[in-house]
Amino acid sequence: MPLVDAEAPSAMPSDVAAKLGYYVYTYVNPLDGSIFYVGKGKGQRALSHLQDGAVTRKAAIIKQIRKAGKSPHIEIIAHGLKTAEAALRVEAAVIDALGLPTLSNRIRGWQSVRMGRTPISELVALYRRKRVTIREPAIVIRINQLYHPKMTAAELYDATRGIWKVGSRRDKVKYAFAVFQGIVREVYEIKQWFPAGSTFTSRDFREFKSSDRSEFVGVVAPKHIRRRYVDRFVGYLFKQGNQNPIAYVNID
């Protein structure tokens, strides 16, 4: 059995832990110098993953490091934070800066979709909330659970076009609006609706095939439509507390 180096202590002295307060930490792979995990906590939290027996990418990397006779390098990158929320915000910012594909974290940081790494243009649209009235027959689709500022045009299209529970009113719709936090991110001209899972997509719709859900195929709307609506606020179409991601506009 290979020897394990002394980079990762088994415990943090209690007096030191008390002085650190809430902190944010990273796990660094000594085999290539890459950061593979970002976390937050207080006390002994930074060391807890060394005994983690779960079947995760993080645990697998730690196992690989130990097999090579080493231990992860654990680094505190921010400490003395006064509240758990402060630590959550720093953690989210670090995860966004590094990017999930390079990390073993499963999800983005706390509220990072709303408060994290975002282009200035999107923040301007979000905080100005310049209201617009939709004139055309349209379906407005909230994609709050799927949206990310760095998603590609194809990913945004696939997140918008399916998979939805829509009735016969869908056939009266001309445009589909992709909406995140009440702001229009893109507008598509709908060409045809199909049963969910029946057209090619970057998302996996197979479990919904032959269900009561649908997806549309379309194209990006003409420039004059996009100029009118993209980055404008339509959140007023959804009443507070309404969980339905769909709203129809100008449909009899």
C-alpha atoms as a PDB file:
ATOM      1  CA  MET A   1       0.000   0.000   0.000  1.00  0.00           C
ATOM      2  CA  PRO A   2       1.558   3.322  -1.032  1.00  0.00           C
ATOM      3  CA  LEU A   3       2.357   5.944   1.527  1.00  0.00           C
ATOM      4  CA  VAL A   4       0.137   9.005   1.615  1.00  0.00           C
ATOM      5  CA  ASP A   5       1.887  12.377   1.716  1.00  0.00           C
ATOM      6  CA  ALA A   6       1.199  14.925   4.419  1.00  0.00           C
ATOM      7  CA  GLU A   7      -0.555  17.557   2.318  1.00  0.00           C
ATOM      8  CA  ALA A   8      -3.994  16.869   3.843  1.00  0.00           C
ATOM      9  CA  PRO A   9      -4.125  16.850   7.679  1.00  0.00           C
ATOM     10  CA  SER A  10      -6.609  14.572   9.396  1.00  0.00           C
ATOM     11  CA  ALA A  11      -8.042  17.378  11.527  1.00  0.00           C
ATOM     12  CA  MET A  12      -7.988  21.139  11.857  1.00  0.00           C
ATOM     13  CA  PRO A  13      -7.013  22.500  15.313  1.00  0.00           C
ATOM     14  CA  SER A  14     -10.165  23.741  17.011  1.00  0.00           C
ATOM     15  CA  ASP A  15      -8.668  27.131  17.875  1.00  0.00           C
ATOM     16  CA  VAL A  16      -7.715  27.693  14.242  1.00  0.00           C
ATOM     17  CA  ALA A  17     -11.144  26.567  13.040  1.00  0.00           C
ATOM     18  CA  ALA A  18     -12.800  29.055  15.389  1.00  0.00           C
ATOM     19  CA  LYS A  19     -10.716  31.912  14.022  1.00  0.00           C
ATOM     20  CA  LEU A  20     -11.409  30.988  10.426  1.00  0.00           C
ATOM     21  CA  GLY A  21     -15.182  31.383  10.779  1.00  0.00           C
ATOM     22  CA  TYR A  22     -17.036  30.542   7.603  1.00  0.00           C
ATOM     23  CA  TYR A  23     -14.678  29.821   4.725  1.00  0.00           C
ATOM     24  CA  VAL A  24     -14.468  28.669   1.112  1.00  0.00           C
ATOM     25  CA  TYR A  25     -11.976  26.007   0.106  1.00  0.00           C
ATOM     26  CA  THR A  26     -10.709  24.122  -2.908  1.00  0.00           C
ATOM     27  CA  TYR A  27      -9.360  20.631  -3.489  1.00  0.00           C
ATOM     28  CA  VAL A  28      -6.339  20.577  -5.782  1.00  0.00           C
ATOM     29  CA  ASN A  29      -5.129  17.475  -7.590  1.00  0.00           C
ATOM     30  CA  PRO A  30      -1.348  17.222  -6.900  1.00  0.00           C
ATOM     31  CA  LEU A  31      -0.932  15.025  -9.986  1.00  0.00           C
ATOM     32  CA  ASP A  32      -1.707  17.865 -12.397  1.00  0.00           C
ATOM     33  CA  GLY A  33      -2.291  20.968 -10.250  1.00  0.00           C
ATOM     34  CA  SER A  34      -5.953  21.294 -11.235  1.00  0.00           C
ATOM     35  CA  ILE A  35      -8.732  22.390  -8.875  1.00  0.00           C
ATOM     36  CA  PHE A  36     -11.366  19.672  -8.907  1.00  0.00           C
ATOM     37  CA  TYR A  37     -13.722  20.721  -6.118  1.00  0.00           C
ATOM     38  CA  VAL A  38     -14.951  23.916  -4.465  1.00  0.00           C
ATOM     39  CA  GLY A  39     -16.757  23.926  -1.126  1.00  0.00           C
ATOM     40  CA  LYS A  40     -17.752  26.100   1.795  1.00  0.00           C
ATOM     41  CA  GLY A  41     -18.327  25.595   5.508  1.00  0.00           C
ATOM     42  CA  LYS A  42     -16.800  26.031   8.921  1.00  0.00           C
ATOM     43  CA  GLY A  43     -14.983  23.919  11.464  1.00  0.00           C
ATOM     44  CA  GLN A  44     -13.799  20.593  10.010  1.00  0.00           C
ATOM     45  CA  ARG A  45     -15.874  20.813   6.848  1.00  0.00           C
ATOM     46  CA  ALA A  46     -12.909  21.176   4.483  1.00  0.00           C
ATOM     47  CA  LEU A  47     -11.521  17.811   5.604  1.00  0.00           C
ATOM     48  CA  SER A  48     -14.792  15.875   5.588  1.00  0.00           C
ATOM     49  CA  HIS A  49     -14.487  14.769   1.948  1.00  0.00           C
ATOM     50  CA  LEU A  50     -11.392  12.724   2.714  1.00  0.00           C
ATOM     51  CA  GLN A  51     -13.630  10.145   4.402  1.00  0.00           C
ATOM     52  CA  ASP A  52     -16.409  10.401   1.838  1.00  0.00           C
ATOM     53  CA  GLY A  53     -17.388   6.940   0.658  1.00  0.00           C
ATOM     54  CA  ALA A  54     -20.065   8.068  -1.789  1.00  0.00           C
ATOM     55  CA  VAL A  55     -19.918   7.112  -5.449  1.00  0.00           C
ATOM     56  CA  THR A  56     -19.130  10.533  -6.916  1.00  0.00           C
ATOM     57  CA  ARG A  57     -16.635  12.029  -9.342  1.00  0.00           C
ATOM     58  CA  LYS A  58     -15.018  13.865  -6.417  1.00  0.00           C
ATOM     59  CA  ALA A  59     -14.539  10.658  -4.437  1.00  0.00           C
ATOM     60  CA  ALA A  60     -13.163   8.912  -7.523  1.00  0.00           C
ATOM     61  CA  ILE A  61     -10.539  11.634  -8.030  1.00  0.00           C
ATOM     62  CA  ILE A  62      -9.500  11.451  -4.381  1.00  0.00           C
ATOM     63  CA  LYS A  63      -9.166   7.680  -4.704  1.00  0.00           C
ATOM     64  CA  GLN A  64      -7.010   8.100  -7.806  1.00  0.00           C
ATOM     65  CA  ILE A  65      -4.772  10.587  -6.009  1.00  0.00           C
ATOM     66  CA  ARG A  66      -4.319   8.262  -3.029  1.00  0.00           C
ATOM     67  CA  LYS A  67      -3.568   5.348  -5.302  1.00  0.00           C
ATOM     68  CA  ALA A  68      -0.631   7.416  -6.574  1.00  0.00           C
ATOM     69  CA  GLY A  69       0.608   7.783  -2.996  1.00  0.00           C
ATOM     70  CA  LYS A  70      -0.513  11.360  -2.483  1.00  0.00           C
ATOM     71  CA  SER A  71      -3.345  13.369  -0.941  1.00  0.00           C
ATOM     72  CA  PRO A  72      -5.370  16.269  -2.293  1.00  0.00           C
ATOM     73  CA  HIS A  73      -4.022  19.722  -1.524  1.00  0.00           C
ATOM     74  CA  ILE A  74      -6.712  21.558   0.423  1.00  0.00           C
ATOM     75  CA  GLU A  75      -6.552  25.334   0.146  1.00  0.00           C
ATOM     76  CA  ILE A  76      -8.649  27.928   1.938  1.00  0.00           C
ATOM     77  CA  ILE A  77      -9.302  30.699  -0.590  1.00  0.00           C
ATOM     78  CA  ALA A  78     -11.501  32.947   1.590  1.00  0.00           C
ATOM     79  CA  HIS A  79     -12.062  32.934   5.341  1.00  0.00           C
ATOM     80  CA  GLY A  80     -13.301  35.154   8.136  1.00  0.00           C
ATOM     81  CA  LEU A  81     -16.685  35.325   6.409  1.00  0.00           C
ATOM     82  CA  LYS A  82     -19.346  36.413   8.873  1.00  0.00           C
ATOM     83  CA  THR A  83     -22.319  34.378   7.656  1.00  0.00           C
ATOM     84  CA  ALA A  84     -23.121  31.163   5.840  1.00  0.00           C
ATOM     85  CA  GLU A  85     -24.754  33.224   3.091  1.00  0.00           C
ATOM     86  CA  ALA A  86     -21.519  35.126   2.507  1.00  0.00           C
ATOM     87  CA  ALA A  87     -19.670  31.817   2.113  1.00  0.00           C
ATOM     88  CA  LEU A  88     -22.350  30.552  -0.276  1.00  0.00           C
ATOM     89  CA  ARG A  89     -21.971  33.637  -2.451  1.00  0.00           C
ATOM     90  CA  VAL A  90     -18.181  33.338  -2.619  1.00  0.00           C
ATOM     91  CA  GLU A  91     -18.420  29.625  -3.365  1.00  0.00           C
ATOM     92  CA  ALA A  92     -20.902  30.287  -6.176  1.00  0.00           C
ATOM     93  CA  ALA A  93     -18.654  32.965  -7.674  1.00  0.00           C
ATOM     94  CA  VAL A  94     -15.626  30.648  -7.641  1.00  0.00           C
ATOM     95  CA  ILE A  95     -17.572  27.780  -9.230  1.00  0.00           C
ATOM     96  CA  ASP A  96     -18.847  30.101 -11.943  1.00  0.00           C
ATOM     97  CA  ALA A  97     -15.354  31.478 -12.568  1.00  0.00           C
ATOM     98  CA  LEU A  98     -13.787  28.030 -12.906  1.00  0.00           C
ATOM     99  CA  GLY A  99     -16.722  26.439 -14.716  1.00  0.00           C
ATOM    100  CA  LEU A 100     -18.515  23.213 -13.834  1.00  0.00           C
ATOM    101  CA  PRO A 101     -16.929  21.104 -16.617  1.00  0.00           C
ATOM    102  CA  THR A 102     -13.559  21.409 -14.858  1.00  0.00           C
ATOM    103  CA  LEU A 103     -14.950  20.569 -11.408  1.00  0.00           C
ATOM    104  CA  SER A 104     -16.433  17.561  -9.672  1.00  0.00           C
ATOM    105  CA  ASN A 105     -19.177  19.741  -8.171  1.00  0.00           C
ATOM    106  CA  ARG A 106     -22.524  18.486  -9.420  1.00  0.00           C
ATOM    107  CA  ILE A 107     -24.309  21.827  -9.629  1.00  0.00           C
ATOM    108  CA  ARG A 108     -23.569  25.528  -9.840  1.00  0.00           C
ATOM    109  CA  GLY A 109     -23.293  27.462  -6.617  1.00  0.00           C
ATOM    110  CA  TRP A 110     -26.109  28.851  -4.496  1.00  0.00           C
ATOM    111  CA  GLN A 111     -28.318  31.271  -6.473  1.00  0.00           C
ATOM    112  CA  SER A 112     -25.618  31.551  -9.118  1.00  0.00           C
ATOM    113  CA  VAL A 113     -28.236  31.431 -11.878  1.00  0.00           C
ATOM    114  CA  ARG A 114     -29.719  34.622 -10.432  1.00  0.00           C
ATOM    115  CA  MET A 115     -26.736  36.261  -8.727  1.00  0.00           C
ATOM    116  CA  GLY A 116     -23.663  34.657 -10.275  1.00  0.00           C
ATOM    117  CA  ARG A 117     -21.498  35.107 -13.342  1.00  0.00           C
ATOM    118  CA  THR A 118     -23.573  37.049 -15.865  1.00  0.00           C
ATOM    119  CA  PRO A 119     -22.784  39.297 -18.849  1.00  0.00           C
ATOM    120  CA  ILE A 120     -23.327  43.000 -18.103  1.00  0.00           C
ATOM    121  CA  SER A 121     -25.862  43.253 -20.935  1.00  0.00           C
ATOM    122  CA  GLU A 122     -28.076  40.682 -19.237  1.00  0.00           C
ATOM    123  CA  LEU A 123     -27.803  42.415 -15.874  1.00  0.00           C
ATOM    124  CA  VAL A 124     -28.844  45.695 -17.477  1.00  0.00           C
ATOM    125  CA  ALA A 125     -31.924  44.000 -18.960  1.00  0.00           C
ATOM    126  CA  LEU A 126     -32.703  42.286 -15.656  1.00  0.00           C
ATOM    127  CA  TYR A 127     -32.508  45.342 -13.440  1.00  0.00           C
ATOM    128  CA  ARG A 128     -34.033  47.841 -15.854  1.00  0.00           C
ATOM    129  CA  ARG A 129     -36.964  45.487 -16.560  1.00  0.00           C
ATOM    130  CA  LYS A 130     -38.064  47.495 -19.587  1.00  0.00           C
ATOM    131  CA  ARG A 131     -41.611  46.316 -20.119  1.00  0.00           C
ATOM    132  CA  VAL A 132     -42.948  45.446 -23.552  1.00  0.00           C
ATOM    133  CA  THR A 133     -46.391  44.419 -24.783  1.00  0.00           C
ATOM    134  CA  ILE A 134     -46.486  41.399 -27.055  1.00  0.00           C
ATOM    135  CA  ARG A 135     -48.548  42.106 -30.167  1.00  0.00           C
ATOM    136  CA  GLU A 136     -48.441  38.763 -31.952  1.00  0.00           C
ATOM    137  CA  PRO A 137     -50.096  35.401 -31.131  1.00  0.00           C
ATOM    138  CA  ALA A 138     -47.465  33.880 -28.894  1.00  0.00           C
ATOM    139  CA  ILE A 139     -46.574  31.289 -26.315  1.00  0.00           C
ATOM    140  CA  VAL A 140     -44.314  32.598 -23.561  1.00  0.00           C
ATOM    141  CA  ILE A 141     -42.130  29.899 -22.005  1.00  0.00           C
ATOM    142  CA  ARG A 142     -40.191  30.285 -18.767  1.00  0.00           C
ATOM    143  CA  ILE A 143     -36.936  28.326 -18.837  1.00  0.00           C
ATOM    144  CA  ASN A 144     -35.670  29.345 -15.386  1.00  0.00           C
ATOM    145  CA  GLN A 145     -34.468  25.818 -14.507  1.00  0.00           C
ATOM    146  CA  LEU A 146     -32.485  25.353 -17.711  1.00  0.00           C
ATOM    147  CA  TYR A 147     -31.129  28.764 -18.615  1.00  0.00           C
ATOM    148  CA  HIS A 148     -27.466  29.692 -18.295  1.00  0.00           C
ATOM    149  CA  PRO A 149     -25.824  32.860 -19.658  1.00  0.00           C
ATOM    150  CA  LYS A 150     -23.126  30.816 -21.376  1.00  0.00           C
ATOM    151  CA  MET A 151     -25.459  28.341 -23.089  1.00  0.00           C
ATOM    152  CA  THR A 152     -25.148  28.107 -26.858  1.00  0.00           C
ATOM    153  CA  ALA A 153     -27.830  29.213 -29.296  1.00  0.00           C
ATOM    154  CA  ALA A 154     -28.656  25.555 -29.947  1.00  0.00           C
ATOM    155  CA  GLU A 155     -28.974  24.833 -26.218  1.00  0.00           C
ATOM    156  CA  LEU A 156     -31.265  27.833 -25.740  1.00  0.00           C
ATOM    157  CA  TYR A 157     -33.420  26.704 -28.652  1.00  0.00           C
ATOM    158  CA  ASP A 158     -33.722  23.151 -27.311  1.00  0.00           C
ATOM    159  CA  ALA A 159     -34.477  24.403 -23.789  1.00  0.00           C
ATOM    160  CA  THR A 160     -37.322  26.500 -25.192  1.00  0.00           C
ATOM    161  CA  ARG A 161     -38.970  24.241 -27.722  1.00  0.00           C
ATOM    162  CA  GLY A 162     -39.838  21.352 -25.462  1.00  0.00           C
ATOM    163  CA  ILE A 163     -41.094  19.528 -23.619  1.00  0.00           C
ATOM    164  CA  TRP A 164     -44.434  21.078 -22.664  1.00  0.00           C
ATOM    165  CA  LYS A 165     -47.998  20.186 -21.815  1.00  0.00           C
ATOM    166  CA  VAL A 166     -49.872  22.276 -24.360  1.00  0.00           C
ATOM    167  CA  GLY A 167     -53.381  21.906 -25.717  1.00  0.00           C
ATOM    168  CA  SER A 168     -54.985  22.821 -29.004  1.00  0.00           C
ATOM    169  CA  ARG A 169     -54.242  26.525 -28.443  1.00  0.00           C
ATOM    170  CA  ARG A 170     -50.679  25.823 -29.496  1.00  0.00           C
ATOM    171  CA  ASP A 171     -51.822  25.651 -33.128  1.00  0.00           C
ATOM    172  CA  LYS A 172     -52.874  29.314 -33.009  1.00  0.00           C
ATOM    173  CA  VAL A 173     -49.443  30.468 -31.870  1.00  0.00           C
ATOM    174  CA  LYS A 174     -46.966  32.078 -34.270  1.00  0.00           C
ATOM    175  CA  TYR A 175     -44.019  32.867 -31.970  1.00  0.00           C
ATOM    176  CA  ALA A 176     -42.421  31.242 -28.940  1.00  0.00           C
ATOM    177  CA  PHE A 177     -40.677  33.473 -26.407  1.00  0.00           C
ATOM    178  CA  ALA A 178     -37.805  32.078 -24.328  1.00  0.00           C
ATOM    179  CA  VAL A 179     -38.024  33.853 -20.967  1.00  0.00           C
ATOM    180  CA  PHE A 180     -35.665  33.805 -17.978  1.00  0.00           C
ATOM    181  CA  GLN A 181     -36.526  35.791 -14.846  1.00  0.00           C
ATOM    182  CA  GLY A 182     -39.157  37.642 -16.804  1.00  0.00           C
ATOM    183  CA  ILE A 183     -36.713  38.811 -19.513  1.00  0.00           C
ATOM    184  CA  VAL A 184     -37.058  37.676 -23.126  1.00  0.00           C
ATOM    185  CA  ARG A 185     -33.863  35.897 -24.141  1.00  0.00           C
ATOM    186  CA  GLU A 186     -34.893  34.841 -27.635  1.00  0.00           C
ATOM    187  CA  VAL A 187     -37.933  34.629 -29.934  1.00  0.00           C
ATOM    188  CA  TYR A 188     -38.629  31.753 -32.327  1.00  0.00           C
ATOM    189  CA  GLU A 189     -41.049  31.476 -35.208  1.00  0.00           C
ATOM    190  CA  ILE A 190     -42.831  28.144 -34.779  1.00  0.00           C
ATOM    191  CA  LYS A 191     -43.086  25.966 -37.878  1.00  0.00           C
ATOM    192  CA  GLN A 192     -44.716  22.844 -36.455  1.00  0.00           C
ATOM    193  CA  TRP A 193     -45.489  20.985 -33.232  1.00  0.00           C
ATOM    194  CA  PHE A 194     -44.533  17.342 -32.665  1.00  0.00           C
ATOM    195  CA  PRO A 195     -45.003  14.754 -29.912  1.00  0.00           C
ATOM    196  CA  ALA A 196     -42.229  15.052 -27.320  1.00  0.00           C
ATOM    197  CA  GLY A 197     -39.141  13.012 -28.142  1.00  0.00           C
ATOM    198  CA  SER A 198     -39.873  12.654 -31.862  1.00  0.00           C
ATOM    199  CA  THR A 199     -37.375  15.172 -33.276  1.00  0.00           C
ATOM    200  CA  PHE A 200     -33.606  15.494 -32.954  1.00  0.00           C
ATOM    201  CA  THR A 201     -32.467  17.520 -29.946  1.00  0.00           C
ATOM    202  CA  SER A 202     -29.422  18.048 -27.749  1.00  0.00           C
ATOM    203  CA  ARG A 203     -31.626  17.218 -24.759  1.00  0.00           C
ATOM    204  CA  ASP A 204     -32.851  13.742 -23.858  1.00  0.00           C
ATOM    205  CA  PHE A 205     -36.614  13.658 -24.360  1.00  0.00           C
ATOM    206  CA  ARG A 206     -36.879   9.863 -24.668  1.00  0.00           C
ATOM    207  CA  GLU A 207     -38.649   9.350 -21.352  1.00  0.00           C
ATOM    208  CA  PHE A 208     -41.454  11.655 -22.548  1.00  0.00           C
ATOM    209  CA  LYS A 209     -41.950  10.009 -25.922  1.00  0.00           C
ATOM    210  CA  SER A 210     -45.589   9.070 -26.577  1.00  0.00           C
ATOM    211  CA  SER A 211     -46.681  11.150 -23.593  1.00  0.00           C
ATOM    212  CA  ASP A 212     -49.019  14.113 -23.459  1.00  0.00           C
ATOM    213  CA  ARG A 213     -46.134  16.528 -23.939  1.00  0.00           C
ATOM    214  CA  SER A 214     -45.093  18.329 -27.105  1.00  0.00           C
ATOM    215  CA  GLU A 215     -42.125  20.073 -28.680  1.00  0.00           C
ATOM    216  CA  PHE A 216     -41.964  22.527 -31.545  1.00  0.00           C
ATOM    217  CA  VAL A 217     -39.608  22.993 -34.457  1.00  0.00           C
ATOM    218  CA  GLY A 218     -38.926  26.524 -35.601  1.00  0.00           C
ATOM    219  CA  VAL A 219     -36.410  29.190 -36.528  1.00  0.00           C
ATOM    220  CA  VAL A 220     -35.132  32.362 -34.903  1.00  0.00           C
ATOM    221  CA  ALA A 221     -37.688  35.121 -35.463  1.00  0.00           C
ATOM    222  CA  PRO A 222     -37.091  37.911 -38.011  1.00  0.00           C
ATOM    223  CA  LYS A 223     -34.816  40.772 -36.965  1.00  0.00           C
ATOM    224  CA  HIS A 224     -37.607  43.299 -36.459  1.00  0.00           C
ATOM    225  CA  ILE A 225     -39.337  40.914 -34.030  1.00  0.00           C
ATOM    226  CA  ARG A 226     -36.144  40.245 -32.100  1.00  0.00           C
ATOM    227  CA  ARG A 227     -35.306  43.948 -31.883  1.00  0.00           C
ATOM    228  CA  ARG A 228     -38.722  44.617 -30.389  1.00  0.00           C
ATOM    229  CA  TYR A 229     -38.675  41.907 -27.733  1.00  0.00           C
ATOM    230  CA  VAL A 230     -35.240  40.493 -26.838  1.00  0.00           C
ATOM    231  CA  ASP A 231     -33.983  41.822 -23.468  1.00  0.00           C
ATOM    232  CA  ARG A 232     -37.433  43.234 -22.671  1.00  0.00           C
ATOM    233  CA  PHE A 233     -39.534  42.402 -19.601  1.00  0.00           C
ATOM    234  CA  VAL A 234     -42.677  40.242 -19.905  1.00  0.00           C
ATOM    235  CA  GLY A 235     -42.706  38.807 -16.397  1.00  0.00           C
ATOM    236  CA  TYR A 236     -46.021  40.568 -15.696  1.00  0.00           C
ATOM    237  CA  LEU A 237     -47.705  37.833 -17.741  1.00  0.00           C
ATOM    238  CA  PHE A 238     -47.142  35.402 -14.871  1.00  0.00           C
ATOM    239  CA  LYS A 239     -48.943  36.048 -11.608  1.00  0.00           C
ATOM    240  CA  GLN A 240     -46.871  35.773  -8.444  1.00  0.00           C
ATOM    241  CA  GLY A 241     -46.832  32.186  -7.202  1.00  0.00           C
ATOM    242  CA  ASN A 242     -47.886  30.775 -10.576  1.00  0.00           C
ATOM    243  CA  GLN A 243     -45.737  27.716 -11.244  1.00  0.00           C
ATOM    244  CA  ASN A 244     -46.980  27.107 -14.785  1.00  0.00           C
ATOM    245  CA  PRO A 245     -44.059  27.818 -17.139  1.00  0.00           C
ATOM    246  CA  ILE A 246     -46.438  28.580 -20.026  1.00  0.00           C
ATOM    247  CA  ALA A 247     -48.490  31.667 -20.849  1.00  0.00           C
ATOM    248  CA  TYR A 248     -50.462  32.379 -24.027  1.00  0.00           C
ATOM    249  CA  VAL A 249     -50.805  35.876 -25.488  1.00  0.00           C
ATOM    250  CA  ASN A 250     -53.291  37.110 -28.091  1.00  0.00           C
ATOM    251  CA  ILE A 251     -54.936  33.696 -28.396  1.00  0.00           C
ATOM    252  CA  ASP A 252     -58.755  33.536 -28.434  1.00  0.00           C
END
